[in-house]
Amino acid sequence: MMFRTILILISSIHVNRLIASGWIPPQMAGQSECNGLRSRNHRIASPSSLDASRVSSGRQSKNKKKPKLIIFDLDGCLWAPEMYELLYFSGGKGAPFTPDPTNPHRLRTVGGESVRLLGDVRRIMFELQYDEMWWNTRVGISSRTDQPVWARELLDKFVIDDSEDASSLPAFPLRQVFTPELCELAKDDKREHFERILVNAPGNLKFTDCLFFDNELGNCQAVARLGVTVCYCPRGVTREAWELAVDKFPSSNGKVIKSR
């Protein structure tokens, strides 16, 4: 038992030294699981082996102040159709979702309806996972979806890859981008979502450290009053919405950044 304890201590010291030297980011030291989601483990490639230019849009300066926490809505923001549409307008024919045989980037409902990621969500999630400029930023969810179980299944089954550049970096499930304790899938007010998220967030984060994307203007206005930088994206998270919000961060004056 004592020998095993010594080995564990040596291993821990070794990992801490690697973290301090920059070879291993802190998030790679462990994983957790909560609410059916897994925490981010986006350090599959080490800094020395990752060509960040392959996964970065190249338009944001690496020296610009960045949000410490990015929160996304789900329905109508990351994907379509929304879960309420499947529930009420498609006869409740949602899960189980299966791969679309005609398009590997889409899923199909049990009724055969296509579910797709919106805008440039796939590419942006790939950047959040692999681009070193986001390694100190955590990612969470604030969703009032009518079907959280269906939403969690979509997070599990949408696969994110770098199909544009045929990158050798591994594909991963969408859920892997998100830190589970920073994910709220509940019907109450999104201001309450953010209050709970900040309680669970490490490092004593403030509302002004956060960037939020939502496709409903009312949600955006409510959260913006907290001091969060908020981007209204009625067509989902497009490249234009993403770059506009990142460029204007921080913008905690209560006004909503509006993309087309």
C-alpha atoms as a PDB file:
ATOM      1  CA  MET A   1       0.000   0.000   0.000  1.00  0.00           C
ATOM      2  CA  MET A   2       2.806   2.427   0.903  1.00  0.00           C
ATOM      3  CA  PHE A   3       4.621   1.641  -2.378  1.00  0.00           C
ATOM      4  CA  ARG A   4       1.419   2.336  -4.345  1.00  0.00           C
ATOM      5  CA  THR A   5       0.942   5.638  -2.487  1.00  0.00           C
ATOM      6  CA  ILE A   6       4.514   6.693  -3.341  1.00  0.00           C
ATOM      7  CA  LEU A   7       3.907   5.894  -7.036  1.00  0.00           C
ATOM      8  CA  ILE A   8       0.724   7.968  -7.031  1.00  0.00           C
ATOM      9  CA  LEU A   9       2.535  10.923  -5.449  1.00  0.00           C
ATOM     10  CA  ILE A  10       5.367  10.702  -7.975  1.00  0.00           C
ATOM     11  CA  SER A  11       2.861  10.547 -10.829  1.00  0.00           C
ATOM     12  CA  SER A  12       0.989  13.564  -9.451  1.00  0.00           C
ATOM     13  CA  ILE A  13       4.201  15.586  -9.123  1.00  0.00           C
ATOM     14  CA  HIS A  14       5.193  14.647 -12.672  1.00  0.00           C
ATOM     15  CA  VAL A  15       1.829  15.752 -14.089  1.00  0.00           C
ATOM     16  CA  ASN A  16       1.971  19.030 -12.162  1.00  0.00           C
ATOM     17  CA  ARG A  17       5.419  19.753 -13.558  1.00  0.00           C
ATOM     18  CA  LEU A  18       4.187  19.071 -17.083  1.00  0.00           C
ATOM     19  CA  ILE A  19       1.289  21.441 -16.494  1.00  0.00           C
ATOM     20  CA  ALA A  20       3.621  24.124 -15.137  1.00  0.00           C
ATOM     21  CA  SER A  21       5.937  23.750 -18.108  1.00  0.00           C
ATOM     22  CA  GLY A  22       3.089  24.151 -20.574  1.00  0.00           C
ATOM     23  CA  TRP A  23       3.217  20.634 -22.003  1.00  0.00           C
ATOM     24  CA  ILE A  24      -0.139  19.669 -20.507  1.00  0.00           C
ATOM     25  CA  PRO A  25      -2.958  22.203 -20.006  1.00  0.00           C
ATOM     26  CA  PRO A  26      -4.671  21.911 -16.586  1.00  0.00           C
ATOM     27  CA  GLN A  27      -7.926  20.644 -18.104  1.00  0.00           C
ATOM     28  CA  MET A  28      -6.185  17.521 -19.391  1.00  0.00           C
ATOM     29  CA  ALA A  29      -5.395  16.340 -15.887  1.00  0.00           C
ATOM     30  CA  GLY A  30      -8.860  14.872 -15.376  1.00  0.00           C
ATOM     31  CA  GLN A  31     -12.445  14.437 -16.567  1.00  0.00           C
ATOM     32  CA  SER A  32     -15.813  14.454 -14.898  1.00  0.00           C
ATOM     33  CA  GLU A  33     -19.293  13.416 -15.912  1.00  0.00           C
ATOM     34  CA  CYS A  34     -22.574  15.069 -14.989  1.00  0.00           C
ATOM     35  CA  ASN A  35     -26.108  15.186 -16.337  1.00  0.00           C
ATOM     36  CA  GLY A  36     -25.284  12.890 -19.225  1.00  0.00           C
ATOM     37  CA  LEU A  37     -22.518  15.185 -20.536  1.00  0.00           C
ATOM     38  CA  ARG A  38     -18.772  14.762 -20.309  1.00  0.00           C
ATOM     39  CA  SER A  39     -16.313  17.527 -19.538  1.00  0.00           C
ATOM     40  CA  ARG A  40     -14.025  18.999 -22.156  1.00  0.00           C
ATOM     41  CA  ASN A  41     -10.963  16.888 -22.887  1.00  0.00           C
ATOM     42  CA  HIS A  42      -9.770  18.960 -25.806  1.00  0.00           C
ATOM     43  CA  ARG A  43      -6.060  18.486 -25.284  1.00  0.00           C
ATOM     44  CA  ILE A  44      -5.858  15.389 -27.461  1.00  0.00           C
ATOM     45  CA  ALA A  45      -3.010  17.033 -29.351  1.00  0.00           C
ATOM     46  CA  SER A  46      -0.189  18.647 -27.403  1.00  0.00           C
ATOM     47  CA  PRO A  47       0.769  22.276 -28.047  1.00  0.00           C
ATOM     48  CA  SER A  48       3.982  21.171 -29.742  1.00  0.00           C
ATOM     49  CA  SER A  49       2.164  18.944 -32.228  1.00  0.00           C
ATOM     50  CA  LEU A  50      -0.821  21.181 -32.970  1.00  0.00           C
ATOM     51  CA  ASP A  51      -0.709  23.529 -35.915  1.00  0.00           C
ATOM     52  CA  ALA A  52      -3.235  26.033 -34.579  1.00  0.00           C
ATOM     53  CA  SER A  53      -3.525  27.718 -37.967  1.00  0.00           C
ATOM     54  CA  ARG A  54      -5.335  24.644 -39.254  1.00  0.00           C
ATOM     55  CA  VAL A  55      -8.201  25.085 -36.842  1.00  0.00           C
ATOM     56  CA  SER A  56      -8.338  28.842 -36.284  1.00  0.00           C
ATOM     57  CA  SER A  57     -10.211  31.324 -38.420  1.00  0.00           C
ATOM     58  CA  GLY A  58      -7.102  33.486 -38.158  1.00  0.00           C
ATOM     59  CA  ARG A  59      -9.179  36.643 -37.785  1.00  0.00           C
ATOM     60  CA  GLN A  60      -8.998  37.105 -34.017  1.00  0.00           C
ATOM     61  CA  SER A  61      -5.841  38.335 -32.368  1.00  0.00           C
ATOM     62  CA  LYS A  62      -4.456  35.903 -29.827  1.00  0.00           C
ATOM     63  CA  ASN A  63      -3.573  38.895 -27.615  1.00  0.00           C
ATOM     64  CA  LYS A  64      -7.104  40.299 -27.467  1.00  0.00           C
ATOM     65  CA  LYS A  65      -9.051  39.811 -24.245  1.00  0.00           C
ATOM     66  CA  LYS A  66     -11.156  36.687 -24.486  1.00  0.00           C
ATOM     67  CA  PRO A  67     -14.149  35.442 -22.527  1.00  0.00           C
ATOM     68  CA  LYS A  68     -13.352  33.026 -19.732  1.00  0.00           C
ATOM     69  CA  LEU A  69     -16.702  31.346 -20.253  1.00  0.00           C
ATOM     70  CA  ILE A  70     -18.775  30.962 -23.424  1.00  0.00           C
ATOM     71  CA  ILE A  71     -22.391  29.826 -23.075  1.00  0.00           C
ATOM     72  CA  PHE A  72     -24.579  28.625 -25.942  1.00  0.00           C
ATOM     73  CA  ASP A  73     -28.307  28.143 -26.256  1.00  0.00           C
ATOM     74  CA  LEU A  74     -29.212  24.912 -28.086  1.00  0.00           C
ATOM     75  CA  ASP A  75     -32.537  24.888 -29.987  1.00  0.00           C
ATOM     76  CA  GLY A  76     -32.465  27.275 -32.932  1.00  0.00           C
ATOM     77  CA  CYS A  77     -28.966  28.372 -31.949  1.00  0.00           C
ATOM     78  CA  LEU A  78     -26.817  25.272 -32.457  1.00  0.00           C
ATOM     79  CA  TRP A  79     -29.297  23.083 -34.320  1.00  0.00           C
ATOM     80  CA  ALA A  80     -32.674  22.910 -36.069  1.00  0.00           C
ATOM     81  CA  PRO A  81     -35.456  22.019 -35.881  1.00  0.00           C
ATOM     82  CA  GLU A  82     -36.107  22.944 -32.272  1.00  0.00           C
ATOM     83  CA  MET A  83     -37.241  20.224 -29.889  1.00  0.00           C
ATOM     84  CA  TYR A  84     -40.673  21.795 -29.396  1.00  0.00           C
ATOM     85  CA  GLU A  85     -41.213  21.582 -33.155  1.00  0.00           C
ATOM     86  CA  LEU A  86     -40.511  17.858 -33.091  1.00  0.00           C
ATOM     87  CA  LEU A  87     -42.677  17.455 -30.003  1.00  0.00           C
ATOM     88  CA  TYR A  88     -45.754  19.388 -31.155  1.00  0.00           C
ATOM     89  CA  PHE A  89     -45.581  19.637 -34.955  1.00  0.00           C
ATOM     90  CA  SER A  90     -44.005  16.293 -35.842  1.00  0.00           C
ATOM     91  CA  GLY A  91     -46.193  14.097 -33.689  1.00  0.00           C
ATOM     92  CA  GLY A  92     -43.618  13.712 -30.943  1.00  0.00           C
ATOM     93  CA  LYS A  93     -41.361  11.759 -33.291  1.00  0.00           C
ATOM     94  CA  GLY A  94     -37.961  12.782 -32.019  1.00  0.00           C
ATOM     95  CA  ALA A  95     -35.605  10.327 -30.358  1.00  0.00           C
ATOM     96  CA  PRO A  96     -33.994   7.945 -30.909  1.00  0.00           C
ATOM     97  CA  PHE A  97     -31.881   9.861 -33.412  1.00  0.00           C
ATOM     98  CA  THR A  98     -29.882   7.985 -36.019  1.00  0.00           C
ATOM     99  CA  PRO A  99     -27.254   9.038 -38.592  1.00  0.00           C
ATOM    100  CA  ASP A 100     -28.677  10.350 -41.861  1.00  0.00           C
ATOM    101  CA  PRO A 101     -27.545   7.894 -44.555  1.00  0.00           C
ATOM    102  CA  THR A 102     -27.542  10.681 -47.165  1.00  0.00           C
ATOM    103  CA  ASN A 103     -25.524  13.183 -45.125  1.00  0.00           C
ATOM    104  CA  PRO A 104     -22.990  12.153 -42.456  1.00  0.00           C
ATOM    105  CA  HIS A 105     -23.253  15.580 -40.794  1.00  0.00           C
ATOM    106  CA  ARG A 106     -26.983  15.239 -40.074  1.00  0.00           C
ATOM    107  CA  LEU A 107     -29.151  13.080 -37.861  1.00  0.00           C
ATOM    108  CA  ARG A 108     -32.669  11.780 -38.410  1.00  0.00           C
ATOM    109  CA  THR A 109     -35.574  11.544 -36.011  1.00  0.00           C
ATOM    110  CA  VAL A 110     -37.519   8.342 -35.531  1.00  0.00           C
ATOM    111  CA  GLY A 111     -40.011   9.878 -37.969  1.00  0.00           C
ATOM    112  CA  GLY A 112     -37.346  10.405 -40.630  1.00  0.00           C
ATOM    113  CA  GLU A 113     -37.014  14.188 -40.221  1.00  0.00           C
ATOM    114  CA  SER A 114     -33.549  15.675 -40.647  1.00  0.00           C
ATOM    115  CA  VAL A 115     -31.824  17.467 -37.737  1.00  0.00           C
ATOM    116  CA  ARG A 116     -28.828  19.642 -38.647  1.00  0.00           C
ATOM    117  CA  LEU A 117     -26.273  21.943 -37.055  1.00  0.00           C
ATOM    118  CA  LEU A 118     -26.822  25.595 -37.947  1.00  0.00           C
ATOM    119  CA  GLY A 119     -24.507  28.240 -39.372  1.00  0.00           C
ATOM    120  CA  ASP A 120     -20.850  27.507 -38.799  1.00  0.00           C
ATOM    121  CA  VAL A 121     -21.397  25.607 -35.537  1.00  0.00           C
ATOM    122  CA  ARG A 122     -19.372  22.572 -36.626  1.00  0.00           C
ATOM    123  CA  ARG A 123     -16.268  24.576 -37.461  1.00  0.00           C
ATOM    124  CA  ILE A 124     -16.555  26.837 -34.402  1.00  0.00           C
ATOM    125  CA  MET A 125     -16.856  23.854 -32.066  1.00  0.00           C
ATOM    126  CA  PHE A 126     -13.793  22.322 -33.715  1.00  0.00           C
ATOM    127  CA  GLU A 127     -11.872  25.528 -33.013  1.00  0.00           C
ATOM    128  CA  LEU A 128     -13.032  25.619 -29.384  1.00  0.00           C
ATOM    129  CA  GLN A 129     -11.862  22.055 -28.979  1.00  0.00           C
ATOM    130  CA  TYR A 130      -8.424  22.328 -30.589  1.00  0.00           C
ATOM    131  CA  ASP A 131      -7.306  25.922 -31.087  1.00  0.00           C
ATOM    132  CA  GLU A 132      -4.858  26.892 -28.330  1.00  0.00           C
ATOM    133  CA  MET A 133      -6.280  30.407 -28.161  1.00  0.00           C
ATOM    134  CA  TRP A 134      -9.351  28.895 -26.443  1.00  0.00           C
ATOM    135  CA  TRP A 135      -7.567  26.549 -24.058  1.00  0.00           C
ATOM    136  CA  ASN A 136      -8.242  28.809 -21.062  1.00  0.00           C
ATOM    137  CA  THR A 137     -11.919  29.276 -21.952  1.00  0.00           C
ATOM    138  CA  ARG A 138     -14.654  27.004 -20.657  1.00  0.00           C
ATOM    139  CA  VAL A 139     -17.835  26.296 -22.594  1.00  0.00           C
ATOM    140  CA  GLY A 140     -21.338  25.718 -21.214  1.00  0.00           C
ATOM    141  CA  ILE A 141     -25.025  25.602 -22.106  1.00  0.00           C
ATOM    142  CA  SER A 142     -28.112  27.606 -21.173  1.00  0.00           C
ATOM    143  CA  SER A 143     -31.175  26.008 -22.747  1.00  0.00           C
ATOM    144  CA  ARG A 144     -34.892  26.036 -21.998  1.00  0.00           C
ATOM    145  CA  THR A 145     -35.498  23.154 -24.401  1.00  0.00           C
ATOM    146  CA  ASP A 146     -38.794  21.299 -24.133  1.00  0.00           C
ATOM    147  CA  GLN A 147     -37.014  17.961 -24.372  1.00  0.00           C
ATOM    148  CA  PRO A 148     -33.701  17.932 -22.443  1.00  0.00           C
ATOM    149  CA  VAL A 149     -33.352  14.161 -22.862  1.00  0.00           C
ATOM    150  CA  TRP A 150     -33.547  14.531 -26.639  1.00  0.00           C
ATOM    151  CA  ALA A 151     -31.130  17.451 -26.517  1.00  0.00           C
ATOM    152  CA  ARG A 152     -28.573  15.407 -24.564  1.00  0.00           C
ATOM    153  CA  GLU A 153     -28.879  12.627 -27.122  1.00  0.00           C
ATOM    154  CA  LEU A 154     -28.142  15.089 -29.932  1.00  0.00           C
ATOM    155  CA  LEU A 155     -25.087  16.344 -28.025  1.00  0.00           C
ATOM    156  CA  ASP A 156     -23.904  12.746 -27.855  1.00  0.00           C
ATOM    157  CA  LYS A 157     -24.606  11.865 -31.489  1.00  0.00           C
ATOM    158  CA  PHE A 158     -23.540  14.936 -33.472  1.00  0.00           C
ATOM    159  CA  VAL A 159     -19.939  14.272 -34.478  1.00  0.00           C
ATOM    160  CA  ILE A 160     -17.608  17.240 -34.937  1.00  0.00           C
ATOM    161  CA  ASP A 161     -14.767  16.951 -37.427  1.00  0.00           C
ATOM    162  CA  ASP A 162     -12.670  19.146 -39.667  1.00  0.00           C
ATOM    163  CA  SER A 163     -14.239  18.082 -42.936  1.00  0.00           C
ATOM    164  CA  GLU A 164     -13.284  21.345 -44.646  1.00  0.00           C
ATOM    165  CA  ASP A 165      -9.531  20.843 -44.333  1.00  0.00           C
ATOM    166  CA  ALA A 166      -9.381  17.047 -43.983  1.00  0.00           C
ATOM    167  CA  SER A 167      -7.460  17.511 -40.739  1.00  0.00           C
ATOM    168  CA  SER A 168      -5.837  14.536 -39.061  1.00  0.00           C
ATOM    169  CA  LEU A 169      -7.106  15.753 -35.677  1.00  0.00           C
ATOM    170  CA  PRO A 170      -9.633  13.285 -34.234  1.00  0.00           C
ATOM    171  CA  ALA A 171     -13.370  13.783 -34.556  1.00  0.00           C
ATOM    172  CA  PHE A 172     -15.344  13.973 -31.305  1.00  0.00           C
ATOM    173  CA  PRO A 173     -18.951  14.122 -30.063  1.00  0.00           C
ATOM    174  CA  LEU A 174     -20.380  17.617 -29.666  1.00  0.00           C
ATOM    175  CA  ARG A 175     -20.882  17.082 -25.920  1.00  0.00           C
ATOM    176  CA  GLN A 176     -17.116  16.934 -25.425  1.00  0.00           C
ATOM    177  CA  VAL A 177     -16.769  20.685 -25.921  1.00  0.00           C
ATOM    178  CA  PHE A 178     -18.903  21.445 -22.852  1.00  0.00           C
ATOM    179  CA  THR A 179     -18.086  21.378 -19.148  1.00  0.00           C
ATOM    180  CA  PRO A 180     -21.026  19.476 -17.583  1.00  0.00           C
ATOM    181  CA  GLU A 181     -21.305  21.489 -14.372  1.00  0.00           C
ATOM    182  CA  LEU A 182     -21.659  24.617 -16.536  1.00  0.00           C
ATOM    183  CA  CYS A 183     -24.638  23.247 -18.472  1.00  0.00           C
ATOM    184  CA  GLU A 184     -28.215  24.239 -17.642  1.00  0.00           C
ATOM    185  CA  LEU A 185     -31.064  22.497 -19.471  1.00  0.00           C
ATOM    186  CA  ALA A 186     -34.084  23.712 -17.537  1.00  0.00           C
ATOM    187  CA  LYS A 187     -37.304  25.647 -18.149  1.00  0.00           C
ATOM    188  CA  ASP A 188     -36.699  28.470 -15.687  1.00  0.00           C
ATOM    189  CA  ASP A 189     -35.391  31.937 -16.518  1.00  0.00           C
ATOM    190  CA  LYS A 190     -31.993  32.156 -18.184  1.00  0.00           C
ATOM    191  CA  ARG A 191     -30.840  34.691 -15.620  1.00  0.00           C
ATOM    192  CA  GLU A 192     -31.267  31.928 -13.071  1.00  0.00           C
ATOM    193  CA  HIS A 193     -29.313  29.608 -15.355  1.00  0.00           C
ATOM    194  CA  PHE A 194     -26.402  32.047 -15.336  1.00  0.00           C
ATOM    195  CA  GLU A 195     -26.515  32.520 -11.593  1.00  0.00           C
ATOM    196  CA  ARG A 196     -26.235  28.759 -11.070  1.00  0.00           C
ATOM    197  CA  ILE A 197     -23.551  28.419 -13.729  1.00  0.00           C
ATOM    198  CA  LEU A 198     -21.347  31.030 -12.042  1.00  0.00           C
ATOM    199  CA  VAL A 199     -21.771  29.298  -8.688  1.00  0.00           C
ATOM    200  CA  ASN A 200     -20.390  26.110 -10.278  1.00  0.00           C
ATOM    201  CA  ALA A 201     -17.707  27.825 -12.352  1.00  0.00           C
ATOM    202  CA  PRO A 202     -14.122  27.699 -11.048  1.00  0.00           C
ATOM    203  CA  GLY A 203     -12.037  30.801 -10.485  1.00  0.00           C
ATOM    204  CA  ASN A 204     -14.677  33.202  -9.108  1.00  0.00           C
ATOM    205  CA  LEU A 205     -15.893  34.207 -12.547  1.00  0.00           C
ATOM    206  CA  LYS A 206     -18.087  37.275 -12.990  1.00  0.00           C
ATOM    207  CA  PHE A 207     -20.904  37.921 -15.433  1.00  0.00           C
ATOM    208  CA  THR A 208     -18.571  40.281 -17.285  1.00  0.00           C
ATOM    209  CA  ASP A 209     -16.253  37.325 -18.018  1.00  0.00           C
ATOM    210  CA  CYS A 210     -18.990  35.578 -20.024  1.00  0.00           C
ATOM    211  CA  LEU A 211     -20.085  35.555 -23.662  1.00  0.00           C
ATOM    212  CA  PHE A 212     -23.550  34.225 -24.535  1.00  0.00           C
ATOM    213  CA  PHE A 213     -25.205  33.244 -27.838  1.00  0.00           C
ATOM    214  CA  ASP A 214     -28.987  32.895 -28.187  1.00  0.00           C
ATOM    215  CA  ASN A 215     -31.476  33.093 -31.050  1.00  0.00           C
ATOM    216  CA  GLU A 216     -34.285  34.619 -28.939  1.00  0.00           C
ATOM    217  CA  LEU A 217     -34.064  38.355 -28.379  1.00  0.00           C
ATOM    218  CA  GLY A 218     -35.945  38.284 -25.064  1.00  0.00           C
ATOM    219  CA  ASN A 219     -33.415  35.865 -23.563  1.00  0.00           C
ATOM    220  CA  CYS A 220     -30.575  38.000 -24.890  1.00  0.00           C
ATOM    221  CA  GLN A 221     -31.940  41.204 -23.365  1.00  0.00           C
ATOM    222  CA  ALA A 222     -32.520  39.578 -19.966  1.00  0.00           C
ATOM    223  CA  VAL A 223     -29.030  38.088 -19.748  1.00  0.00           C
ATOM    224  CA  ALA A 224     -27.354  41.267 -21.072  1.00  0.00           C
ATOM    225  CA  ARG A 225     -28.737  43.173 -18.074  1.00  0.00           C
ATOM    226  CA  LEU A 226     -26.595  40.958 -15.844  1.00  0.00           C
ATOM    227  CA  GLY A 227     -23.448  42.379 -17.465  1.00  0.00           C
ATOM    228  CA  VAL A 228     -22.867  39.424 -19.796  1.00  0.00           C
ATOM    229  CA  THR A 229     -21.693  40.104 -23.363  1.00  0.00           C
ATOM    230  CA  VAL A 230     -24.593  38.764 -25.421  1.00  0.00           C
ATOM    231  CA  CYS A 231     -24.954  38.040 -29.130  1.00  0.00           C
ATOM    232  CA  TYR A 232     -28.375  37.686 -30.723  1.00  0.00           C
ATOM    233  CA  CYS A 233     -28.067  35.178 -33.580  1.00  0.00           C
ATOM    234  CA  PRO A 234     -31.464  34.562 -35.213  1.00  0.00           C
ATOM    235  CA  ARG A 235     -29.941  32.241 -37.844  1.00  0.00           C
ATOM    236  CA  GLY A 236     -27.897  30.286 -35.354  1.00  0.00           C
ATOM    237  CA  VAL A 237     -24.197  30.696 -34.606  1.00  0.00           C
ATOM    238  CA  THR A 238     -22.879  31.776 -37.982  1.00  0.00           C
ATOM    239  CA  ARG A 239     -19.289  32.773 -38.644  1.00  0.00           C
ATOM    240  CA  GLU A 240     -20.423  36.398 -38.841  1.00  0.00           C
ATOM    241  CA  ALA A 241     -22.138  36.192 -35.432  1.00  0.00           C
ATOM    242  CA  TRP A 242     -19.159  34.435 -33.852  1.00  0.00           C
ATOM    243  CA  GLU A 243     -16.538  36.892 -35.075  1.00  0.00           C
ATOM    244  CA  LEU A 244     -18.711  39.921 -34.305  1.00  0.00           C
ATOM    245  CA  ALA A 245     -19.244  38.783 -30.710  1.00  0.00           C
ATOM    246  CA  VAL A 246     -15.614  37.814 -30.094  1.00  0.00           C
ATOM    247  CA  ASP A 247     -14.432  41.105 -31.592  1.00  0.00           C
ATOM    248  CA  LYS A 248     -16.777  43.188 -29.402  1.00  0.00           C
ATOM    249  CA  PHE A 249     -16.056  41.286 -26.184  1.00  0.00           C
ATOM    250  CA  PRO A 250     -16.201  42.588 -23.521  1.00  0.00           C
ATOM    251  CA  SER A 251     -19.381  44.558 -24.068  1.00  0.00           C
ATOM    252  CA  SER A 252     -21.131  44.535 -20.708  1.00  0.00           C
ATOM    253  CA  ASN A 253     -23.181  47.717 -21.084  1.00  0.00           C
ATOM    254  CA  GLY A 254     -26.537  45.924 -21.137  1.00  0.00           C
ATOM    255  CA  LYS A 255     -26.850  46.206 -24.901  1.00  0.00           C
ATOM    256  CA  VAL A 256     -27.217  43.156 -27.151  1.00  0.00           C
ATOM    257  CA  ILE A 257     -24.865  42.534 -30.053  1.00  0.00           C
ATOM    258  CA  LYS A 258     -27.076  41.756 -33.043  1.00  0.00           C
ATOM    259  CA  SER A 259     -25.928  39.641 -35.960  1.00  0.00           C
ATOM    260  CA  ARG A 260     -27.832  39.277 -39.194  1.00  0.00           C
END
